[in-house]
């Protein structure tokens, strides 16, 4: 197993900073609402919906942007843009909520370009033999960024004040954007891939394939889970289990770390299993682990009262959720190949639409029926997405044909079927138009030598 390439490493850093910046506000909101006496879960829900609305627009814009710019350029520009917007969030918090929500829209848009740009960069710069590990690494980077944010944000809030985490992650984003900009240009390869991009009519053709529809549904269900994991975990501990903001560091930091470990290990395991088994069977196994185990953890959490026990199961839940990177996420590359970033952007539309709905839904359901109702609903999403997608993964080869740009015909002999005369005046038998299978298929049995006749079947 080779070392990750420099583009992969920088994509990891970009996505880690991206998701770290997203995780700041769910923690800080509890400090803000403690002073202003507002509902933290409602504030998080409203801001999450605004964020995912911008993120949704980013997925729609990703296709033409990937065609126009290389993955390197788009990832660099998007990272620099969200870092700039993040610096303005502390100022927006001081004013009315409408200003904060309006600022969350461009922040969500710029952050939303991260994954499509990263997948485009992988398609341009990473060999196919390293794609499984590379995909797992960049997906695990989001959890790693969330882990760092979950651990240091409560500490920074307590020691330095709540605006400091925003400034820190903005500076990190700006530095990573500059480093990506200095990579060797991948524009020639990007132009080559852009020639293969689909128009909207072809996208509709893709959507008629059952496996593609199952991928969209799985992305929706995954979006619901991610909206909770990256926005509402602090609210769960503070409101349901009475935790203090300073306690969130040790209660929530381990979960993203375990997720990162599972993402990487699942990628390594899937690549090794693919040497002995069909690829789609490996994806089925990873997706089964990534949906069944989280659902089991969620059901168990509903029966616990211990804050420590919930923290452990939350860690296992978020960790095993990472197995989907070698199931659902890697399936984009299995099916779409060089167009993986396009298909991922479309699937991500469903994921972000789920995030828009999930924010108010979580806060509303928690207020009316409690957090156990929210957790049970998440478990149902996992079970349904696993059943639908796993049952259709055997169609990955059929679905991949929709994304091929050319078919290589088998070698045919296109000579005339009429009998030709040789130089000696003898008639030469017609040549078959069937694929070439050697001398036994070209001549009648009576016209071959005894030695050839012994080799040819009856």
Protein backbone atom coordinates (compact mmCIF):
# COMPACT_ATOMS: atom_id res chain seq x y z
CA UNK A 1 0.00 0.00 0.00
CA UNK A 2 1.58 3.28 -1.15
CA UNK A 3 1.65 6.54 0.70
CA UNK A 4 -1.11 9.06 -0.05
CA UNK A 5 -0.13 11.55 -2.73
CA UNK A 6 0.31 15.27 -2.03
CA UNK A 7 -3.05 16.20 -3.64
CA UNK A 8 -4.76 13.65 -1.39
CA UNK A 9 -3.03 15.03 1.70
CA UNK A 10 -4.01 18.61 0.89
CA UNK A 11 -7.58 17.53 0.18
CA UNK A 12 -7.58 15.91 3.62
CA UNK A 13 -6.39 19.15 5.23
CA UNK A 14 -8.96 21.22 3.33
CA UNK A 15 -11.88 19.01 4.36
CA UNK A 16 -10.65 18.73 7.95
CA UNK A 17 -10.59 22.52 8.26
CA UNK A 18 -13.93 22.70 6.44
CA UNK A 19 -15.74 20.40 8.84
CA UNK A 20 -13.92 21.79 11.84
CA UNK A 21 -15.29 25.23 11.04
CA UNK A 22 -18.81 23.81 10.73
CA UNK A 23 -18.62 22.28 14.20
CA UNK A 24 -17.81 25.52 16.00
CA UNK A 25 -21.26 27.09 16.00
CA UNK A 26 -23.21 24.15 17.56
CA UNK A 27 -20.95 24.43 20.63
CA UNK A 28 -20.79 28.22 20.76
CA UNK A 29 -24.57 28.55 20.41
CA UNK A 30 -25.07 27.26 23.95
CA UNK A 31 -22.84 30.02 25.32
CA UNK A 32 -24.62 32.64 23.22
CA UNK A 33 -28.08 31.45 24.26
CA UNK A 34 -27.09 31.31 27.91
CA UNK A 35 -26.58 35.08 27.76
CA UNK A 36 -29.54 35.94 25.54
CA UNK A 37 -31.92 33.31 26.98
CA UNK A 38 -32.85 31.79 23.65
CA UNK A 39 -33.24 28.13 22.74
CA UNK A 40 -29.90 26.74 21.62
CA UNK A 41 -31.45 23.80 19.76
CA UNK A 42 -33.76 26.12 17.82
CA UNK A 43 -30.85 28.43 16.99
CA UNK A 44 -28.77 25.47 15.82
CA UNK A 45 -31.71 24.12 13.82
CA UNK A 46 -32.36 27.41 12.05
CA UNK A 47 -28.69 28.04 11.27
CA UNK A 48 -28.24 24.44 10.10
CA UNK A 49 -31.16 24.80 7.68
CA UNK A 50 -29.68 28.01 6.28
CA UNK A 51 -26.28 26.38 6.00
CA UNK A 52 -27.63 23.34 4.16
CA UNK A 53 -29.66 25.56 1.84
CA UNK A 54 -26.42 27.18 0.71
CA UNK A 55 -24.80 23.77 0.61
CA UNK A 56 -27.61 22.51 -1.62
CA UNK A 57 -27.04 25.34 -4.10
CA UNK A 58 -23.35 24.42 -4.10
CA UNK A 59 -24.14 20.87 -5.19
CA UNK A 60 -26.23 22.19 -8.07
CA UNK A 61 -23.46 24.58 -9.08
CA UNK A 62 -20.71 21.98 -8.67
CA UNK A 63 -21.29 20.36 -12.07
CA UNK A 64 -20.66 23.47 -14.21
CA UNK A 65 -17.91 24.63 -11.86
CA UNK A 66 -16.09 21.29 -12.12
CA UNK A 67 -16.36 21.56 -15.90
CA UNK A 68 -14.94 25.08 -15.94
CA UNK A 69 -12.27 24.80 -13.27
CA UNK A 70 -9.96 22.02 -12.19
CA UNK A 71 -10.51 20.30 -8.86
CA UNK A 72 -7.39 22.01 -7.58
CA UNK A 73 -8.66 25.50 -8.43
CA UNK A 74 -12.17 24.89 -7.13
CA UNK A 75 -10.97 23.42 -3.84
CA UNK A 76 -8.57 26.30 -3.30
CA UNK A 77 -11.14 29.01 -4.10
CA UNK A 78 -13.90 27.38 -2.07
CA UNK A 79 -11.68 26.94 0.98
CA UNK A 80 -10.47 30.54 0.87
CA UNK A 81 -14.05 31.80 0.48
CA UNK A 82 -15.53 29.97 3.47
CA UNK A 83 -12.57 31.08 5.60
CA UNK A 84 -13.35 34.70 4.74
CA UNK A 85 -17.06 34.30 5.51
CA UNK A 86 -16.28 32.55 8.81
CA UNK A 87 -14.50 35.67 10.05
CA UNK A 88 -17.78 37.56 9.73
CA UNK A 89 -19.87 35.12 11.80
CA UNK A 90 -18.93 36.62 15.22
CA UNK A 91 -20.07 40.01 13.96
CA UNK A 92 -23.35 38.59 12.65
CA UNK A 93 -24.08 36.92 16.00
CA UNK A 94 -24.14 40.33 17.66
CA UNK A 95 -27.07 41.44 15.49
CA UNK A 96 -30.50 39.97 14.72
CA UNK A 97 -30.84 36.31 13.84
CA UNK A 98 -31.80 37.18 10.26
CA UNK A 99 -28.31 38.54 9.65
CA UNK A 100 -26.76 35.32 10.94
CA UNK A 101 -29.02 33.18 8.77
CA UNK A 102 -28.22 35.26 5.70
CA UNK A 103 -24.51 34.84 6.38
CA UNK A 104 -24.92 31.10 6.82
CA UNK A 105 -26.13 30.82 3.22
CA UNK A 106 -22.81 31.81 1.55
CA UNK A 107 -20.91 29.95 4.26
CA UNK A 108 -22.83 26.79 3.40
CA UNK A 109 -22.29 27.38 -0.31
CA UNK A 110 -18.52 27.74 0.01
CA UNK A 111 -18.21 24.78 2.39
CA UNK A 112 -20.43 22.71 0.12
CA UNK A 113 -17.93 22.93 -2.73
CA UNK A 114 -15.42 20.98 -0.66
CA UNK A 115 -16.39 17.41 -1.43
CA UNK A 116 -17.21 17.84 -5.16
CA UNK A 117 -13.92 19.67 -5.64
CA UNK A 118 -12.02 17.04 -3.67
CA UNK A 119 -13.55 14.22 -5.71
CA UNK A 120 -12.67 16.10 -8.90
CA UNK A 121 -9.11 16.45 -7.66
CA UNK A 122 -8.95 12.70 -6.99
CA UNK A 123 -10.24 11.96 -10.48
CA UNK A 124 -7.56 14.23 -11.95
CA UNK A 125 -4.54 13.32 -9.85
CA UNK A 126 -4.95 9.94 -8.11
CA UNK A 127 -4.43 6.56 -9.85
CA UNK A 128 -7.36 4.16 -9.92
CA UNK A 129 -5.48 1.62 -7.79
CA UNK A 130 -5.35 4.13 -4.92
CA UNK A 131 -8.92 5.44 -5.15
CA UNK A 132 -10.38 3.26 -2.39
CA UNK A 133 -7.90 4.46 0.21
CA UNK A 134 -7.94 8.04 -1.07
CA UNK A 135 -11.74 8.25 -0.83
CA UNK A 136 -11.68 6.82 2.68
CA UNK A 137 -9.00 9.29 3.73
CA UNK A 138 -10.78 12.40 2.50
CA UNK A 139 -14.06 11.25 4.04
CA UNK A 140 -12.33 10.51 7.33
CA UNK A 141 -10.83 14.00 7.18
CA UNK A 142 -14.24 15.53 7.81
CA UNK A 143 -14.60 13.53 11.01
CA UNK A 144 -11.04 14.38 12.02
CA UNK A 145 -11.78 18.07 11.61
CA UNK A 146 -14.94 17.71 13.67
CA UNK A 147 -12.99 15.87 16.37
CA UNK A 148 -10.40 18.63 16.61
CA UNK A 149 -13.12 21.25 16.72
CA UNK A 150 -15.17 19.37 19.32
CA UNK A 151 -12.11 19.08 21.54
CA UNK A 152 -10.57 22.54 21.30
CA UNK A 153 -13.67 24.73 20.86
CA UNK A 154 -15.00 24.27 24.44
CA UNK A 155 -11.50 24.93 25.78
CA UNK A 156 -11.02 28.04 23.67
CA UNK A 157 -14.47 29.33 24.60
CA UNK A 158 -13.74 28.93 28.30
CA UNK A 159 -10.22 30.38 28.17
CA UNK A 160 -10.24 32.94 25.36
CA UNK A 161 -13.89 33.65 24.59
CA UNK A 162 -16.29 32.30 22.00
CA UNK A 163 -15.13 34.38 18.95
CA UNK A 164 -11.62 32.84 19.03
CA UNK A 165 -12.53 29.43 17.46
CA UNK A 166 -14.04 31.20 14.45
CA UNK A 167 -10.83 33.16 13.87
CA UNK A 168 -8.62 30.10 14.34
CA UNK A 169 -10.40 27.94 11.77
CA UNK A 170 -10.59 30.85 9.33
CA UNK A 171 -6.80 31.17 9.48
CA UNK A 172 -6.39 27.41 9.00
CA UNK A 173 -8.65 27.51 5.95
CA UNK A 174 -6.73 30.37 4.41
CA UNK A 175 -3.42 28.58 4.88
CA UNK A 176 -4.65 25.34 3.32
CA UNK A 177 -6.16 27.23 0.38
CA UNK A 178 -2.78 28.82 -0.32
CA UNK A 179 -1.03 25.45 -0.21
CA UNK A 180 -3.51 23.89 -2.64
CA UNK A 181 -3.05 26.83 -4.98
CA UNK A 182 0.67 26.07 -5.19
CA UNK A 183 0.13 22.48 -6.41
CA UNK A 184 1.17 21.70 -10.00
CA UNK A 185 -1.73 22.55 -12.26
CA UNK A 186 -4.13 19.70 -13.01
CA UNK A 187 -5.93 21.74 -15.66
CA UNK A 188 -4.94 19.55 -18.68
CA UNK A 189 -6.42 16.46 -17.04
CA UNK A 190 -9.45 18.46 -15.94
CA UNK A 191 -10.11 19.50 -19.54
CA UNK A 192 -9.88 15.88 -20.61
CA UNK A 193 -12.44 14.86 -17.99
CA UNK A 194 -14.70 17.80 -18.80
CA UNK A 195 -15.16 16.41 -22.29
CA UNK A 196 -16.89 13.43 -20.70
CA UNK A 197 -19.33 15.40 -18.56
CA UNK A 198 -23.01 14.81 -19.06
CA UNK A 199 -25.80 17.17 -19.97
CA UNK A 200 -29.06 17.31 -18.06
CA UNK A 201 -30.78 14.87 -20.42
CA UNK A 202 -28.13 12.30 -19.65
CA UNK A 203 -28.57 12.92 -15.94
CA UNK A 204 -32.21 11.94 -16.35
CA UNK A 205 -31.13 8.76 -18.09
CA UNK A 206 -28.85 7.97 -15.17
CA UNK A 207 -31.72 8.45 -12.76
CA UNK A 208 -33.75 5.72 -14.45
CA UNK A 209 -31.27 3.13 -13.20
CA UNK A 210 -32.56 1.55 -9.93
CA UNK A 211 -29.11 1.53 -8.34
CA UNK A 212 -28.68 5.26 -8.97
CA UNK A 213 -32.04 5.94 -7.33
CA UNK A 214 -30.99 3.77 -4.39
CA UNK A 215 -27.78 5.81 -4.10
CA UNK A 216 -29.84 9.00 -4.00
CA UNK A 217 -32.01 7.61 -1.22
CA UNK A 218 -28.98 6.42 0.74
CA UNK A 219 -27.44 9.87 0.40
CA UNK A 220 -30.66 11.38 1.75
CA UNK A 221 -30.62 9.07 4.77
CA UNK A 222 -26.92 9.71 5.32
CA UNK A 223 -27.62 13.45 5.16
CA UNK A 224 -30.16 13.15 7.96
CA UNK A 225 -27.63 11.31 10.12
CA UNK A 226 -24.81 13.72 9.32
CA UNK A 227 -26.99 16.71 10.17
CA UNK A 228 -27.43 15.30 13.65
CA UNK A 229 -23.84 14.14 14.13
CA UNK A 230 -22.28 17.44 13.11
CA UNK A 231 -24.84 19.86 14.54
CA UNK A 232 -26.98 18.40 17.32
CA UNK A 233 -24.71 16.20 19.43
CA UNK A 234 -23.83 19.10 21.79
CA UNK A 235 -27.54 19.90 22.18
CA UNK A 236 -28.27 16.25 22.98
CA UNK A 237 -25.81 16.20 25.88
CA UNK A 238 -26.64 19.68 27.20
CA UNK A 239 -30.43 19.43 27.02
CA UNK A 240 -31.06 15.71 27.56
CA UNK A 241 -28.24 14.82 29.95
CA UNK A 242 -27.46 18.13 31.67
CA UNK A 243 -23.86 18.42 30.49
CA UNK A 244 -21.95 21.68 30.72
CA UNK A 245 -20.27 23.23 27.68
CA UNK A 246 -16.86 22.53 29.23
CA UNK A 247 -17.80 18.82 29.44
CA UNK A 248 -18.45 18.56 25.70
CA UNK A 249 -14.74 18.21 24.92
CA UNK A 250 -14.41 14.76 26.46
CA UNK A 251 -17.98 13.69 25.71
CA UNK A 252 -17.89 14.34 21.97
CA UNK A 253 -14.25 14.42 20.79
CA UNK A 254 -13.74 10.64 20.66
CA UNK A 255 -16.64 10.01 18.27
CA UNK A 256 -15.15 11.76 15.21
CA UNK A 257 -11.77 10.17 15.96
CA UNK A 258 -13.27 6.68 15.89
CA UNK A 259 -15.11 7.65 12.71
CA UNK A 260 -11.82 8.61 11.07
CA UNK A 261 -10.23 5.32 12.11
CA UNK A 262 -13.14 3.31 10.75
CA UNK A 263 -13.09 5.27 7.49
CA UNK A 264 -9.43 4.47 6.89
CA UNK A 265 -9.64 0.86 8.04
CA UNK A 266 -12.72 0.23 5.93
CA UNK A 267 -10.91 1.58 2.88
CA UNK A 268 -7.90 -0.66 3.46
CA UNK A 269 -10.10 -3.67 4.18
CA UNK A 270 -12.29 -3.08 1.12
CA UNK A 271 -9.27 -2.73 -1.18
CA UNK A 272 -7.80 -5.98 0.14
CA UNK A 273 -11.08 -7.88 -0.10
CA UNK A 274 -11.53 -6.64 -3.66
CA UNK A 275 -8.48 -8.69 -4.67
CA UNK A 276 -10.32 -11.91 -3.82
CA UNK A 277 -13.99 -11.02 -4.21
CA UNK A 278 -16.09 -9.03 -6.60
CA UNK A 279 -15.99 -5.34 -5.80
CA UNK A 280 -19.73 -4.95 -5.36
CA UNK A 281 -19.73 -7.68 -2.69
CA UNK A 282 -17.11 -5.73 -0.75
CA UNK A 283 -19.26 -2.62 -1.02
CA UNK A 284 -22.27 -4.57 0.23
CA UNK A 285 -20.37 -5.74 3.30
CA UNK A 286 -19.13 -2.24 4.13
CA UNK A 287 -22.58 -0.74 3.66
CA UNK A 288 -24.13 -3.42 5.85
CA UNK A 289 -21.70 -2.62 8.65
CA UNK A 290 -22.22 1.11 8.12
CA UNK A 291 -26.01 0.95 8.52
CA UNK A 292 -26.80 -2.00 10.80
CA UNK A 293 -24.32 -1.13 13.56
CA UNK A 294 -25.33 2.56 13.85
CA UNK A 295 -29.00 1.57 13.97
CA UNK A 296 -28.24 -0.87 16.79
CA UNK A 297 -26.34 1.81 18.71
CA UNK A 298 -29.19 4.30 18.36
CA UNK A 299 -31.78 1.87 19.66
CA UNK A 300 -29.53 1.08 22.63
CA UNK A 301 -28.92 4.76 23.43
CA UNK A 302 -32.66 5.25 23.82
CA UNK A 303 -32.64 2.91 26.82
CA UNK A 304 -29.68 4.49 28.64
CA UNK A 305 -29.64 7.22 31.26
CA UNK A 306 -25.89 7.37 31.92
CA UNK A 307 -24.08 10.24 30.25
CA UNK A 308 -20.89 8.17 30.05
CA UNK A 309 -22.68 5.20 28.49
CA UNK A 310 -24.33 7.43 25.91
CA UNK A 311 -20.94 8.94 25.08
CA UNK A 312 -19.48 5.48 24.43
CA UNK A 313 -22.37 4.39 22.23
CA UNK A 314 -22.32 7.71 20.40
CA UNK A 315 -18.65 7.08 19.66
CA UNK A 316 -19.42 3.60 18.32
CA UNK A 317 -22.34 4.98 16.30
CA UNK A 318 -20.32 7.68 14.59
CA UNK A 319 -17.38 5.34 14.11
CA UNK A 320 -19.33 2.57 12.43
CA UNK A 321 -21.10 5.17 10.31
CA UNK A 322 -17.69 5.56 8.67
CA UNK A 323 -17.92 2.12 7.06
CA UNK A 324 -20.24 3.71 4.52
CA UNK A 325 -17.25 5.47 2.98
CA UNK A 326 -16.14 2.15 1.49
CA UNK A 327 -19.72 1.26 0.67
CA UNK A 328 -21.89 4.12 -0.48
CA UNK A 329 -19.18 6.73 -1.10
CA UNK A 330 -16.75 4.44 -2.93
CA UNK A 331 -19.66 3.20 -5.03
CA UNK A 332 -19.66 6.58 -6.80
CA UNK A 333 -16.24 5.78 -8.24
CA UNK A 334 -17.18 2.18 -9.05
CA UNK A 335 -20.21 3.31 -11.02
CA UNK A 336 -19.31 6.70 -12.47
CA UNK A 337 -15.51 6.41 -12.82
CA UNK A 338 -14.17 9.76 -14.10
CA UNK A 339 -17.60 11.33 -13.61
CA UNK A 340 -17.71 10.47 -9.93
CA UNK A 341 -17.66 14.12 -8.91
CA UNK A 342 -20.74 14.81 -11.04
CA UNK A 343 -22.71 11.90 -9.64
CA UNK A 344 -21.56 12.73 -6.13
CA UNK A 345 -22.75 16.31 -6.56
CA UNK A 346 -26.19 15.08 -7.62
CA UNK A 347 -26.36 12.64 -4.72
CA UNK A 348 -25.22 15.37 -2.39
CA UNK A 349 -28.25 17.45 -3.42
CA UNK A 350 -30.41 14.85 -1.70
CA UNK A 351 -28.08 14.82 1.29
CA UNK A 352 -28.24 18.59 1.70
CA UNK A 353 -31.98 18.68 1.17
CA UNK A 354 -32.17 16.23 4.06
CA UNK A 355 -30.05 18.62 6.11
CA UNK A 356 -32.43 21.51 5.39
CA UNK A 357 -35.37 19.47 6.66
CA UNK A 358 -33.50 17.82 9.51
CA UNK A 359 -32.57 21.00 11.40
CA UNK A 360 -36.10 22.19 12.25
CA UNK A 361 -37.34 18.60 12.42
CA UNK A 362 -34.82 17.63 15.12
CA UNK A 363 -35.37 20.71 17.26
CA UNK A 364 -39.16 20.51 16.91
CA UNK A 365 -39.40 16.78 17.66
CA UNK A 366 -37.03 17.12 20.60
CA UNK A 367 -39.21 19.86 22.08
CA UNK A 368 -42.46 17.93 21.57
CA UNK A 369 -41.53 14.28 22.15
CA UNK A 370 -37.97 14.28 23.46
CA UNK A 371 -34.61 13.28 22.09
CA UNK A 372 -35.39 9.56 22.17
CA UNK A 373 -37.94 10.11 19.41
CA UNK A 374 -35.26 11.83 17.33
CA UNK A 375 -32.83 8.94 17.83
CA UNK A 376 -35.42 6.31 16.91
CA UNK A 377 -36.19 8.21 13.72
CA UNK A 378 -32.50 8.16 12.83
CA UNK A 379 -32.37 4.40 13.36
CA UNK A 380 -35.25 3.94 10.91
CA UNK A 381 -33.37 5.96 8.29
CA UNK A 382 -30.32 3.73 8.66
CA UNK A 383 -32.32 0.52 8.32
CA UNK A 384 -34.26 1.67 5.27
CA UNK A 385 -31.21 2.99 3.41
CA UNK A 386 -29.30 -0.22 4.10
CA UNK A 387 -32.09 -2.45 2.84
CA UNK A 388 -32.66 -0.45 -0.33
CA UNK A 389 -29.04 0.10 -1.38
CA UNK A 390 -27.55 -3.28 -0.46
CA UNK A 391 -30.27 -5.13 -2.34
CA UNK A 392 -29.32 -3.30 -5.56
CA UNK A 393 -25.53 -3.15 -5.36
CA UNK A 394 -25.24 -6.19 -7.62
CA UNK A 395 -26.25 -3.86 -10.46
CA UNK A 396 -23.07 -1.79 -10.21
CA UNK A 397 -21.66 -3.16 -13.49
CA UNK A 398 -24.90 -2.50 -15.36
CA UNK A 399 -25.10 1.01 -13.93
CA UNK A 400 -21.48 1.77 -14.85
CA UNK A 401 -22.29 1.30 -18.54
CA UNK A 402 -24.30 4.52 -18.40
CA UNK A 403 -21.09 6.42 -17.74
CA UNK A 404 -18.88 4.90 -20.42
CA UNK A 405 -17.84 7.30 -23.15
CA UNK A 406 -16.93 4.69 -25.73
CA UNK A 407 -17.23 0.98 -26.28
CA UNK A 408 -14.29 -0.94 -27.62
CA UNK A 409 -15.55 -3.42 -30.24
CA UNK A 410 -14.20 -6.90 -30.37
CA UNK A 411 -11.74 -7.70 -33.16
CA UNK A 412 -13.71 -8.61 -36.27
CA UNK A 413 -12.58 -9.69 -39.70
CA UNK A 414 -14.48 -7.52 -42.16
CA UNK A 415 -13.42 -9.27 -45.35
CA UNK A 416 -15.86 -10.08 -48.11
CA UNK A 417 -17.91 -13.21 -47.80
CA UNK A 418 -17.51 -14.01 -51.49
CA UNK A 419 -15.08 -16.74 -52.56
CA UNK A 420 -11.79 -15.22 -53.68
CA UNK A 421 -9.34 -16.76 -56.11
CA UNK A 422 -5.76 -17.12 -55.05
CA UNK A 423 -2.76 -16.64 -57.31
CA UNK A 424 -2.83 -20.38 -58.12
CA UNK A 425 -6.42 -20.18 -59.33
CA UNK A 426 -7.85 -22.10 -56.38
CA UNK A 427 -10.90 -20.85 -54.55
CA UNK A 428 -10.35 -19.52 -51.03
CA UNK A 429 -13.18 -20.07 -48.54
CA UNK A 430 -14.99 -17.04 -47.17
CA UNK A 431 -13.77 -15.54 -43.92
CA UNK A 432 -16.21 -15.51 -41.02
CA UNK A 433 -17.45 -12.21 -39.61
CA UNK A 434 -17.46 -13.72 -36.13
CA UNK A 435 -14.78 -12.71 -33.62
CA UNK A 436 -11.40 -14.15 -34.46
CA UNK A 437 -10.86 -17.40 -32.60
CA UNK A 438 -7.81 -18.72 -34.43
CA UNK A 439 -7.26 -20.94 -37.45
CA UNK A 440 -9.97 -23.40 -36.47
CA UNK A 441 -12.65 -20.77 -37.07
CA UNK A 442 -11.35 -19.51 -40.41
CA UNK A 443 -11.19 -22.65 -42.51
CA UNK A 444 -13.42 -25.66 -42.99
CA UNK A 445 -12.10 -28.75 -41.29
CA UNK A 446 -11.32 -30.51 -44.56
CA UNK A 447 -8.98 -27.71 -45.68
CA UNK A 448 -6.62 -27.84 -42.70
CA UNK A 449 -3.64 -30.06 -42.18
CA UNK A 450 -3.72 -33.22 -40.11
CA UNK A 451 -1.74 -31.53 -37.35
CA UNK A 452 -4.20 -28.62 -37.26
CA UNK A 453 -7.14 -31.04 -37.41
CA UNK A 454 -5.90 -32.80 -34.29
CA UNK A 455 -5.81 -29.50 -32.42
CA UNK A 456 -9.25 -28.37 -33.58
CA UNK A 457 -12.35 -29.67 -31.80
CA UNK A 458 -14.99 -31.65 -33.65
